[in-house]
Amino acid sequence: MLNSKIQDAINEQINAEFYSAYLYLSMSAHFESAGLPGLANWFRVQFQEEQAHATIFMNYVHQRGGRVILKAIDAVPTEWAGAADAFRATLEHEQKVTAMINSIYALAADEKDYATRDRLNWFVSEQVEEEDNCRQLIDKLTLIGDNGMGLYMIDRELATRTYVAPSPLAE
């Protein structure tokens, strides 16, 4: 059985994952309207990943006999000054999500909840990847600056990203 402290923390994380999904869907819509379908695609895939993360947490709570309690999702921004601004916002947001996951991990350690720590190991690795991807894109966008051809090339590159369901969903 999942203890109430862990259950409450995971329910907060579920809300954060759905907020993340909504944020990235907003970014996707913004870039679609700006004529950058590749960036829109990248954020749409990110939206799908965040929904999957929420689902993984929900499945875990149910597997442990807990109760998922969904809360309202706060409003998200709808405008960004450009691609670099959006990816800087994404990195900052992912760092907050990382801190939340680390807090749940520490709580699980304090509560001697080894099953939760085991489930969180996947998320810890996932967050390293999420932050690294953002940093790489920020570096590329910083390098190209105001070069329209560079933005065009990155947009084309990001258009090739596809969604792959995370392995914990198969469990």
N, C-alpha and C. Protein backbone atom coordinates (compact mmCIF):
# COMPACT_ATOMS: atom_id res chain seq x y z
N MET A 1 0.85 -1.19 0.00
CA MET A 1 0.00 0.00 0.00
C MET A 1 0.88 1.24 0.00
N LEU A 2 0.51 2.19 -0.77
CA LEU A 2 1.21 3.46 -0.88
C LEU A 2 0.86 4.33 0.32
N ASN A 3 1.88 4.86 1.01
CA ASN A 3 1.53 5.70 2.16
C ASN A 3 1.04 7.07 1.70
N SER A 4 0.34 7.76 2.56
CA SER A 4 -0.35 8.99 2.16
C SER A 4 0.62 10.10 1.75
N LYS A 5 1.79 10.19 2.39
CA LYS A 5 2.75 11.23 2.01
C LYS A 5 3.24 11.02 0.58
N ILE A 6 3.55 9.79 0.26
CA ILE A 6 4.03 9.47 -1.09
C ILE A 6 2.89 9.67 -2.09
N GLN A 7 1.71 9.20 -1.75
CA GLN A 7 0.56 9.37 -2.64
C GLN A 7 0.29 10.83 -2.93
N ASP A 8 0.32 11.68 -1.91
CA ASP A 8 0.09 13.11 -2.10
C ASP A 8 1.16 13.72 -3.00
N ALA A 9 2.40 13.35 -2.78
CA ALA A 9 3.50 13.89 -3.59
C ALA A 9 3.38 13.45 -5.05
N ILE A 10 3.01 12.20 -5.26
CA ILE A 10 2.85 11.72 -6.64
C ILE A 10 1.65 12.38 -7.30
N ASN A 11 0.58 12.60 -6.55
CA ASN A 11 -0.57 13.31 -7.12
C ASN A 11 -0.18 14.73 -7.54
N GLU A 12 0.67 15.39 -6.77
CA GLU A 12 1.18 16.71 -7.17
C GLU A 12 2.00 16.59 -8.44
N GLN A 13 2.78 15.52 -8.53
CA GLN A 13 3.60 15.30 -9.72
C GLN A 13 2.73 15.04 -10.94
N ILE A 14 1.66 14.30 -10.77
CA ILE A 14 0.73 14.06 -11.87
C ILE A 14 0.19 15.39 -12.39
N ASN A 15 -0.19 16.27 -11.48
CA ASN A 15 -0.67 17.59 -11.88
C ASN A 15 0.42 18.35 -12.63
N ALA A 16 1.66 18.26 -12.14
CA ALA A 16 2.77 18.95 -12.81
C ALA A 16 3.02 18.39 -14.21
N GLU A 17 2.86 17.09 -14.37
CA GLU A 17 3.06 16.48 -15.69
C GLU A 17 1.96 16.92 -16.65
N PHE A 18 0.73 17.01 -16.18
CA PHE A 18 -0.34 17.50 -17.05
C PHE A 18 -0.16 18.99 -17.36
N TYR A 19 0.33 19.76 -16.39
CA TYR A 19 0.66 21.17 -16.66
C TYR A 19 1.72 21.24 -17.74
N SER A 20 2.75 20.40 -17.63
CA SER A 20 3.82 20.37 -18.63
C SER A 20 3.24 20.06 -20.01
N ALA A 21 2.36 19.09 -20.08
CA ALA A 21 1.75 18.73 -21.35
C ALA A 21 0.99 19.94 -21.93
N TYR A 22 0.23 20.60 -21.10
CA TYR A 22 -0.56 21.75 -21.54
C TYR A 22 0.36 22.89 -21.99
N LEU A 23 1.46 23.10 -21.25
CA LEU A 23 2.45 24.12 -21.62
C LEU A 23 3.03 23.83 -23.01
N TYR A 24 3.41 22.58 -23.24
CA TYR A 24 4.03 22.23 -24.53
C TYR A 24 3.01 22.25 -25.66
N LEU A 25 1.77 21.96 -25.36
CA LEU A 25 0.73 22.07 -26.39
C LEU A 25 0.55 23.55 -26.75
N SER A 26 0.61 24.42 -25.77
CA SER A 26 0.52 25.86 -26.02
C SER A 26 1.70 26.32 -26.88
N MET A 27 2.90 25.82 -26.58
CA MET A 27 4.07 26.18 -27.38
C MET A 27 3.91 25.66 -28.81
N SER A 28 3.38 24.46 -28.95
CA SER A 28 3.16 23.90 -30.28
C SER A 28 2.21 24.78 -31.08
N ALA A 29 1.12 25.20 -30.45
CA ALA A 29 0.16 26.06 -31.13
C ALA A 29 0.78 27.39 -31.51
N HIS A 30 1.60 27.93 -30.63
CA HIS A 30 2.27 29.20 -30.89
C HIS A 30 3.15 29.10 -32.15
N PHE A 31 3.95 28.04 -32.23
CA PHE A 31 4.87 27.92 -33.36
C PHE A 31 4.15 27.50 -34.64
N GLU A 32 3.06 26.78 -34.51
CA GLU A 32 2.25 26.48 -35.70
C GLU A 32 1.72 27.79 -36.29
N SER A 33 1.23 28.67 -35.44
CA SER A 33 0.72 29.97 -35.90
C SER A 33 1.82 30.86 -36.46
N ALA A 34 3.05 30.65 -35.99
CA ALA A 34 4.19 31.46 -36.44
C ALA A 34 4.81 30.91 -37.73
N GLY A 35 4.23 29.85 -38.29
CA GLY A 35 4.77 29.30 -39.52
C GLY A 35 6.01 28.46 -39.35
N LEU A 36 6.17 27.88 -38.16
CA LEU A 36 7.32 27.01 -37.87
C LEU A 36 6.81 25.62 -37.48
N PRO A 37 6.39 24.85 -38.47
CA PRO A 37 5.77 23.56 -38.18
C PRO A 37 6.72 22.54 -37.54
N GLY A 38 8.02 22.68 -37.76
CA GLY A 38 8.97 21.76 -37.13
C GLY A 38 9.04 21.98 -35.63
N LEU A 39 9.11 23.25 -35.22
CA LEU A 39 9.09 23.55 -33.79
C LEU A 39 7.76 23.13 -33.20
N ALA A 40 6.67 23.38 -33.93
CA ALA A 40 5.35 22.96 -33.46
C ALA A 40 5.34 21.45 -33.26
N ASN A 41 5.92 20.71 -34.17
CA ASN A 41 5.98 19.25 -34.05
C ASN A 41 6.78 18.84 -32.82
N TRP A 42 7.94 19.47 -32.61
CA TRP A 42 8.79 19.11 -31.47
C TRP A 42 8.00 19.27 -30.18
N PHE A 43 7.31 20.38 -30.03
CA PHE A 43 6.54 20.61 -28.80
C PHE A 43 5.31 19.72 -28.72
N ARG A 44 4.73 19.34 -29.86
CA ARG A 44 3.59 18.42 -29.85
C ARG A 44 4.04 17.04 -29.36
N VAL A 45 5.21 16.60 -29.79
CA VAL A 45 5.75 15.33 -29.30
C VAL A 45 6.04 15.44 -27.80
N GLN A 46 6.56 16.57 -27.38
CA GLN A 46 6.82 16.80 -25.96
C GLN A 46 5.52 16.73 -25.16
N PHE A 47 4.46 17.30 -25.71
CA PHE A 47 3.13 17.23 -25.11
C PHE A 47 2.73 15.77 -24.89
N GLN A 48 2.92 14.93 -25.91
CA GLN A 48 2.56 13.51 -25.80
C GLN A 48 3.40 12.82 -24.73
N GLU A 49 4.68 13.15 -24.67
CA GLU A 49 5.55 12.54 -23.65
C GLU A 49 5.09 12.88 -22.25
N GLU A 50 4.72 14.13 -22.05
CA GLU A 50 4.30 14.56 -20.70
C GLU A 50 2.99 13.89 -20.30
N GLN A 51 2.09 13.72 -21.25
CA GLN A 51 0.86 12.97 -20.95
C GLN A 51 1.20 11.54 -20.55
N ALA A 52 2.16 10.96 -21.24
CA ALA A 52 2.58 9.59 -20.91
C ALA A 52 3.20 9.54 -19.52
N HIS A 53 3.98 10.55 -19.16
CA HIS A 53 4.58 10.58 -17.82
C HIS A 53 3.48 10.61 -16.75
N ALA A 54 2.48 11.44 -16.97
CA ALA A 54 1.36 11.49 -16.01
C ALA A 54 0.68 10.14 -15.92
N THR A 55 0.49 9.48 -17.05
CA THR A 55 -0.14 8.17 -17.07
C THR A 55 0.69 7.14 -16.32
N ILE A 56 1.99 7.18 -16.48
CA ILE A 56 2.88 6.25 -15.75
C ILE A 56 2.71 6.44 -14.25
N PHE A 57 2.71 7.69 -13.81
CA PHE A 57 2.51 7.95 -12.38
C PHE A 57 1.13 7.48 -11.92
N MET A 58 0.10 7.73 -12.73
CA MET A 58 -1.24 7.29 -12.36
C MET A 58 -1.31 5.77 -12.25
N ASN A 59 -0.73 5.09 -13.23
CA ASN A 59 -0.72 3.63 -13.19
C ASN A 59 -0.01 3.12 -11.95
N TYR A 60 1.09 3.77 -11.60
CA TYR A 60 1.85 3.36 -10.42
C TYR A 60 1.03 3.52 -9.14
N VAL A 61 0.37 4.64 -9.00
CA VAL A 61 -0.47 4.86 -7.81
C VAL A 61 -1.52 3.75 -7.71
N HIS A 62 -2.16 3.43 -8.83
CA HIS A 62 -3.17 2.38 -8.82
C HIS A 62 -2.57 1.01 -8.52
N GLN A 63 -1.39 0.72 -9.07
CA GLN A 63 -0.72 -0.56 -8.80
C GLN A 63 -0.42 -0.73 -7.31
N ARG A 64 -0.17 0.38 -6.64
CA ARG A 64 0.16 0.33 -5.21
C ARG A 64 -1.06 0.49 -4.32
N GLY A 65 -2.25 0.44 -4.90
CA GLY A 65 -3.47 0.52 -4.10
C GLY A 65 -3.82 1.91 -3.65
N GLY A 66 -3.25 2.91 -4.30
CA GLY A 66 -3.52 4.29 -3.92
C GLY A 66 -4.64 4.89 -4.74
N ARG A 67 -4.87 6.16 -4.49
CA ARG A 67 -5.94 6.88 -5.18
C ARG A 67 -5.37 8.09 -5.90
N VAL A 68 -5.67 8.19 -7.17
CA VAL A 68 -5.27 9.35 -7.97
C VAL A 68 -6.32 10.43 -7.78
N ILE A 69 -5.85 11.62 -7.47
CA ILE A 69 -6.74 12.76 -7.33
C ILE A 69 -6.25 13.84 -8.28
N LEU A 70 -7.03 14.06 -9.33
CA LEU A 70 -6.66 15.06 -10.33
C LEU A 70 -7.14 16.43 -9.88
N LYS A 71 -6.27 17.40 -10.07
CA LYS A 71 -6.58 18.78 -9.69
C LYS A 71 -6.61 19.64 -10.93
N ALA A 72 -7.10 20.85 -10.78
CA ALA A 72 -7.14 21.80 -11.89
C ALA A 72 -5.72 22.10 -12.36
N ILE A 73 -5.62 22.33 -13.65
CA ILE A 73 -4.33 22.69 -14.24
C ILE A 73 -4.30 24.20 -14.39
N ASP A 74 -3.24 24.81 -13.87
CA ASP A 74 -3.09 26.26 -13.98
C ASP A 74 -2.97 26.69 -15.44
N ALA A 75 -3.34 27.92 -15.70
CA ALA A 75 -3.19 28.48 -17.05
C ALA A 75 -1.71 28.53 -17.41
N VAL A 76 -1.42 28.38 -18.70
CA VAL A 76 -0.05 28.39 -19.19
C VAL A 76 0.18 29.61 -20.07
N PRO A 77 1.44 30.02 -20.24
CA PRO A 77 1.72 31.11 -21.18
C PRO A 77 1.30 30.72 -22.59
N THR A 78 1.11 31.73 -23.43
CA THR A 78 0.70 31.48 -24.81
C THR A 78 1.59 32.20 -25.82
N GLU A 79 2.54 32.97 -25.36
CA GLU A 79 3.41 33.75 -26.25
C GLU A 79 4.87 33.61 -25.82
N TRP A 80 5.74 33.53 -26.82
CA TRP A 80 7.19 33.51 -26.59
C TRP A 80 7.81 34.41 -27.63
N ALA A 81 8.91 35.05 -27.27
CA ALA A 81 9.58 35.99 -28.17
C ALA A 81 10.20 35.29 -29.37
N GLY A 82 10.47 34.04 -29.24
CA GLY A 82 11.07 33.28 -30.34
C GLY A 82 11.41 31.88 -29.87
N ALA A 83 12.06 31.13 -30.74
CA ALA A 83 12.39 29.74 -30.43
C ALA A 83 13.33 29.63 -29.24
N ALA A 84 14.37 30.45 -29.20
CA ALA A 84 15.32 30.38 -28.09
C ALA A 84 14.63 30.68 -26.77
N ASP A 85 13.75 31.67 -26.77
CA ASP A 85 12.99 32.03 -25.57
C ASP A 85 12.13 30.85 -25.10
N ALA A 86 11.49 30.18 -26.04
CA ALA A 86 10.65 29.02 -25.69
C ALA A 86 11.48 27.89 -25.11
N PHE A 87 12.64 27.64 -25.68
CA PHE A 87 13.48 26.55 -25.16
C PHE A 87 14.13 26.91 -23.83
N ARG A 88 14.42 28.20 -23.61
CA ARG A 88 14.91 28.61 -22.29
C ARG A 88 13.81 28.40 -21.24
N ALA A 89 12.57 28.75 -21.61
CA ALA A 89 11.43 28.53 -20.71
C ALA A 89 11.23 27.03 -20.46
N THR A 90 11.43 26.24 -21.50
CA THR A 90 11.29 24.79 -21.38
C THR A 90 12.34 24.24 -20.42
N LEU A 91 13.59 24.67 -20.58
CA LEU A 91 14.66 24.20 -19.69
C LEU A 91 14.36 24.58 -18.25
N GLU A 92 13.96 25.81 -18.03
CA GLU A 92 13.63 26.26 -16.68
C GLU A 92 12.49 25.41 -16.09
N HIS A 93 11.49 25.14 -16.90
CA HIS A 93 10.37 24.32 -16.44
C HIS A 93 10.83 22.90 -16.13
N GLU A 94 11.63 22.32 -17.00
CA GLU A 94 12.10 20.95 -16.77
C GLU A 94 12.97 20.86 -15.53
N GLN A 95 13.72 21.90 -15.22
CA GLN A 95 14.51 21.92 -14.00
C GLN A 95 13.61 21.90 -12.77
N LYS A 96 12.48 22.58 -12.83
CA LYS A 96 11.51 22.53 -11.73
C LYS A 96 10.93 21.13 -11.58
N VAL A 97 10.61 20.50 -12.71
CA VAL A 97 10.08 19.13 -12.68
C VAL A 97 11.13 18.19 -12.09
N THR A 98 12.38 18.36 -12.49
CA THR A 98 13.47 17.54 -11.93
C THR A 98 13.53 17.69 -10.42
N ALA A 99 13.44 18.91 -9.93
CA ALA A 99 13.48 19.15 -8.49
C ALA A 99 12.31 18.46 -7.79
N MET A 100 11.14 18.47 -8.40
CA MET A 100 9.98 17.79 -7.82
C MET A 100 10.21 16.28 -7.74
N ILE A 101 10.73 15.71 -8.81
CA ILE A 101 10.99 14.26 -8.82
C ILE A 101 12.06 13.92 -7.79
N ASN A 102 13.08 14.74 -7.70
CA ASN A 102 14.12 14.51 -6.69
C ASN A 102 13.55 14.58 -5.28
N SER A 103 12.60 15.47 -5.07
CA SER A 103 11.97 15.57 -3.73
C SER A 103 11.16 14.32 -3.41
N ILE A 104 10.45 13.80 -4.40
CA ILE A 104 9.70 12.56 -4.16
C ILE A 104 10.68 11.41 -3.89
N TYR A 105 11.77 11.39 -4.61
CA TYR A 105 12.79 10.35 -4.41
C TYR A 105 13.33 10.42 -2.98
N ALA A 106 13.64 11.63 -2.51
CA ALA A 106 14.14 11.80 -1.15
C ALA A 106 13.08 11.38 -0.12
N LEU A 107 11.82 11.74 -0.38
CA LEU A 107 10.74 11.33 0.51
C LEU A 107 10.62 9.81 0.54
N ALA A 108 10.70 9.19 -0.62
CA ALA A 108 10.63 7.72 -0.69
C ALA A 108 11.77 7.09 0.09
N ALA A 109 12.94 7.70 0.03
CA ALA A 109 14.09 7.19 0.81
C ALA A 109 13.80 7.33 2.30
N ASP A 110 13.29 8.49 2.71
CA ASP A 110 12.96 8.72 4.12
C ASP A 110 11.90 7.73 4.62
N GLU A 111 10.94 7.42 3.75
CA GLU A 111 9.84 6.53 4.11
C GLU A 111 10.17 5.05 3.88
N LYS A 112 11.39 4.80 3.42
CA LYS A 112 11.84 3.43 3.11
C LYS A 112 10.88 2.74 2.12
N ASP A 113 10.45 3.52 1.13
CA ASP A 113 9.55 3.03 0.08
C ASP A 113 10.41 2.72 -1.14
N TYR A 114 10.96 1.51 -1.15
CA TYR A 114 11.92 1.12 -2.19
C TYR A 114 11.25 0.94 -3.55
N ALA A 115 10.00 0.55 -3.57
CA ALA A 115 9.29 0.39 -4.84
C ALA A 115 9.12 1.75 -5.53
N THR A 116 8.80 2.78 -4.77
CA THR A 116 8.65 4.10 -5.36
C THR A 116 10.00 4.61 -5.85
N ARG A 117 11.04 4.40 -5.06
CA ARG A 117 12.37 4.80 -5.51
C ARG A 117 12.72 4.10 -6.82
N ASP A 118 12.39 2.83 -6.93
CA ASP A 118 12.68 2.09 -8.15
C ASP A 118 11.93 2.68 -9.33
N ARG A 119 10.66 2.99 -9.18
CA ARG A 119 9.88 3.59 -10.26
C ARG A 119 10.46 4.95 -10.64
N LEU A 120 10.89 5.71 -9.64
CA LEU A 120 11.42 7.05 -9.90
C LEU A 120 12.76 7.04 -10.62
N ASN A 121 13.50 5.94 -10.53
CA ASN A 121 14.80 5.88 -11.22
C ASN A 121 14.65 6.17 -12.70
N TRP A 122 13.59 5.66 -13.32
CA TRP A 122 13.37 5.92 -14.74
C TRP A 122 13.17 7.42 -14.97
N PHE A 123 12.39 8.06 -14.09
CA PHE A 123 12.12 9.49 -14.24
C PHE A 123 13.38 10.34 -14.02
N VAL A 124 14.24 9.91 -13.10
CA VAL A 124 15.48 10.64 -12.86
C VAL A 124 16.31 10.66 -14.15
N SER A 125 16.46 9.51 -14.77
CA SER A 125 17.20 9.43 -16.04
C SER A 125 16.51 10.22 -17.14
N GLU A 126 15.20 10.15 -17.19
CA GLU A 126 14.42 10.87 -18.20
C GLU A 126 14.64 12.37 -18.07
N GLN A 127 14.71 12.87 -16.86
CA GLN A 127 14.90 14.31 -16.66
C GLN A 127 16.29 14.76 -17.10
N VAL A 128 17.29 13.92 -16.91
CA VAL A 128 18.63 14.26 -17.42
C VAL A 128 18.56 14.45 -18.93
N GLU A 129 17.87 13.53 -19.61
CA GLU A 129 17.71 13.60 -21.06
C GLU A 129 16.91 14.85 -21.47
N GLU A 130 15.84 15.13 -20.76
CA GLU A 130 14.99 16.29 -21.09
C GLU A 130 15.80 17.59 -21.01
N GLU A 131 16.54 17.76 -19.93
CA GLU A 131 17.32 18.98 -19.74
C GLU A 131 18.44 19.08 -20.78
N ASP A 132 19.09 17.96 -21.07
CA ASP A 132 20.17 17.96 -22.06
C ASP A 132 19.66 18.33 -23.43
N ASN A 133 18.50 17.78 -23.83
CA ASN A 133 17.91 18.13 -25.13
C ASN A 133 17.66 19.62 -25.23
N CYS A 134 17.13 20.21 -24.17
CA CYS A 134 16.86 21.66 -24.18
C CYS A 134 18.15 22.45 -24.30
N ARG A 135 19.16 22.07 -23.53
CA ARG A 135 20.44 22.79 -23.58
C ARG A 135 21.04 22.74 -24.98
N GLN A 136 20.98 21.57 -25.61
CA GLN A 136 21.52 21.44 -26.96
C GLN A 136 20.78 22.34 -27.94
N LEU A 137 19.47 22.39 -27.83
CA LEU A 137 18.69 23.24 -28.74
C LEU A 137 18.94 24.72 -28.46
N ILE A 138 19.07 25.09 -27.20
CA ILE A 138 19.39 26.48 -26.86
C ILE A 138 20.75 26.85 -27.44
N ASP A 139 21.72 25.95 -27.32
CA ASP A 139 23.06 26.21 -27.89
C ASP A 139 22.99 26.42 -29.40
N LYS A 140 22.24 25.58 -30.09
CA LYS A 140 22.10 25.72 -31.55
C LYS A 140 21.43 27.04 -31.90
N LEU A 141 20.35 27.37 -31.18
CA LEU A 141 19.62 28.60 -31.47
C LEU A 141 20.45 29.83 -31.14
N THR A 142 21.26 29.75 -30.10
CA THR A 142 22.15 30.85 -29.76
C THR A 142 23.19 31.04 -30.86
N LEU A 143 23.70 29.93 -31.36
CA LEU A 143 24.70 29.97 -32.41
C LEU A 143 24.16 30.62 -33.69
N ILE A 144 22.93 30.32 -34.04
CA ILE A 144 22.40 30.89 -35.29
C ILE A 144 21.90 32.32 -35.11
N GLY A 145 21.57 32.70 -33.88
CA GLY A 145 21.12 34.07 -33.63
C GLY A 145 19.91 34.43 -34.48
N ASP A 146 20.03 35.53 -35.23
CA ASP A 146 18.92 36.02 -36.06
C ASP A 146 18.98 35.49 -37.50
N ASN A 147 19.79 34.49 -37.74
CA ASN A 147 19.94 33.95 -39.09
C ASN A 147 18.69 33.15 -39.47
N GLY A 148 17.92 33.69 -40.40
CA GLY A 148 16.68 33.05 -40.83
C GLY A 148 16.90 31.68 -41.44
N MET A 149 17.98 31.51 -42.19
CA MET A 149 18.26 30.21 -42.80
C MET A 149 18.58 29.18 -41.71
N GLY A 150 19.27 29.61 -40.67
CA GLY A 150 19.56 28.70 -39.56
C GLY A 150 18.29 28.24 -38.86
N LEU A 151 17.38 29.17 -38.64
CA LEU A 151 16.10 28.82 -38.03
C LEU A 151 15.31 27.87 -38.93
N TYR A 152 15.37 28.14 -40.23
CA TYR A 152 14.70 27.26 -41.19
C TYR A 152 15.26 25.83 -41.09
N MET A 153 16.57 25.72 -40.99
CA MET A 153 17.21 24.40 -40.91
C MET A 153 16.85 23.68 -39.60
N ILE A 154 16.84 24.39 -38.51
CA ILE A 154 16.46 23.77 -37.23
C ILE A 154 14.99 23.36 -37.28
N ASP A 155 14.16 24.21 -37.87
CA ASP A 155 12.74 23.88 -37.99
C ASP A 155 12.58 22.57 -38.77
N ARG A 156 13.31 22.42 -39.83
CA ARG A 156 13.24 21.19 -40.64
C ARG A 156 13.72 19.98 -39.83
N GLU A 157 14.79 20.18 -39.06
CA GLU A 157 15.32 19.10 -38.22
C GLU A 157 14.29 18.66 -37.18
N LEU A 158 13.66 19.61 -36.54
CA LEU A 158 12.69 19.29 -35.48
C LEU A 158 11.41 18.68 -36.02
N ALA A 159 11.16 18.88 -37.30
CA ALA A 159 9.98 18.29 -37.93
C ALA A 159 10.07 16.77 -38.00
N THR A 160 11.27 16.23 -37.87
CA THR A 160 11.46 14.77 -38.00
C THR A 160 11.24 14.02 -36.69
N ARG A 161 11.09 14.75 -35.60
CA ARG A 161 10.91 14.09 -34.30
C ARG A 161 9.58 13.34 -34.27
N THR A 162 9.61 12.12 -33.75
CA THR A 162 8.39 11.32 -33.62
C THR A 162 8.22 10.87 -32.17
N TYR A 163 7.00 10.64 -31.81
CA TYR A 163 6.69 10.16 -30.46
C TYR A 163 6.96 8.67 -30.35
N VAL A 164 7.63 8.29 -29.28
CA VAL A 164 7.85 6.89 -28.95
C VAL A 164 7.35 6.70 -27.52
N ALA A 165 6.43 5.78 -27.34
CA ALA A 165 5.88 5.54 -26.00
C ALA A 165 6.99 5.09 -25.05
N PRO A 166 7.05 5.68 -23.86
CA PRO A 166 8.09 5.29 -22.91
C PRO A 166 7.89 3.85 -22.41
N SER A 167 9.00 3.20 -22.12
CA SER A 167 8.95 1.79 -21.73
C SER A 167 8.09 1.50 -20.50
N PRO A 168 8.01 2.38 -19.49
CA PRO A 168 7.14 2.05 -18.35
C PRO A 168 5.65 1.91 -18.70
N LEU A 169 5.23 2.45 -19.84
CA LEU A 169 3.83 2.29 -20.24
C LEU A 169 3.54 0.85 -20.67
N ALA A 170 4.58 0.12 -21.04
CA ALA A 170 4.40 -1.27 -21.48
C ALA A 170 4.22 -2.21 -20.29
N GLU A 171 4.51 -1.73 -19.11
CA GLU A 171 4.43 -2.59 -17.92
C GLU A 171 3.00 -2.75 -17.42
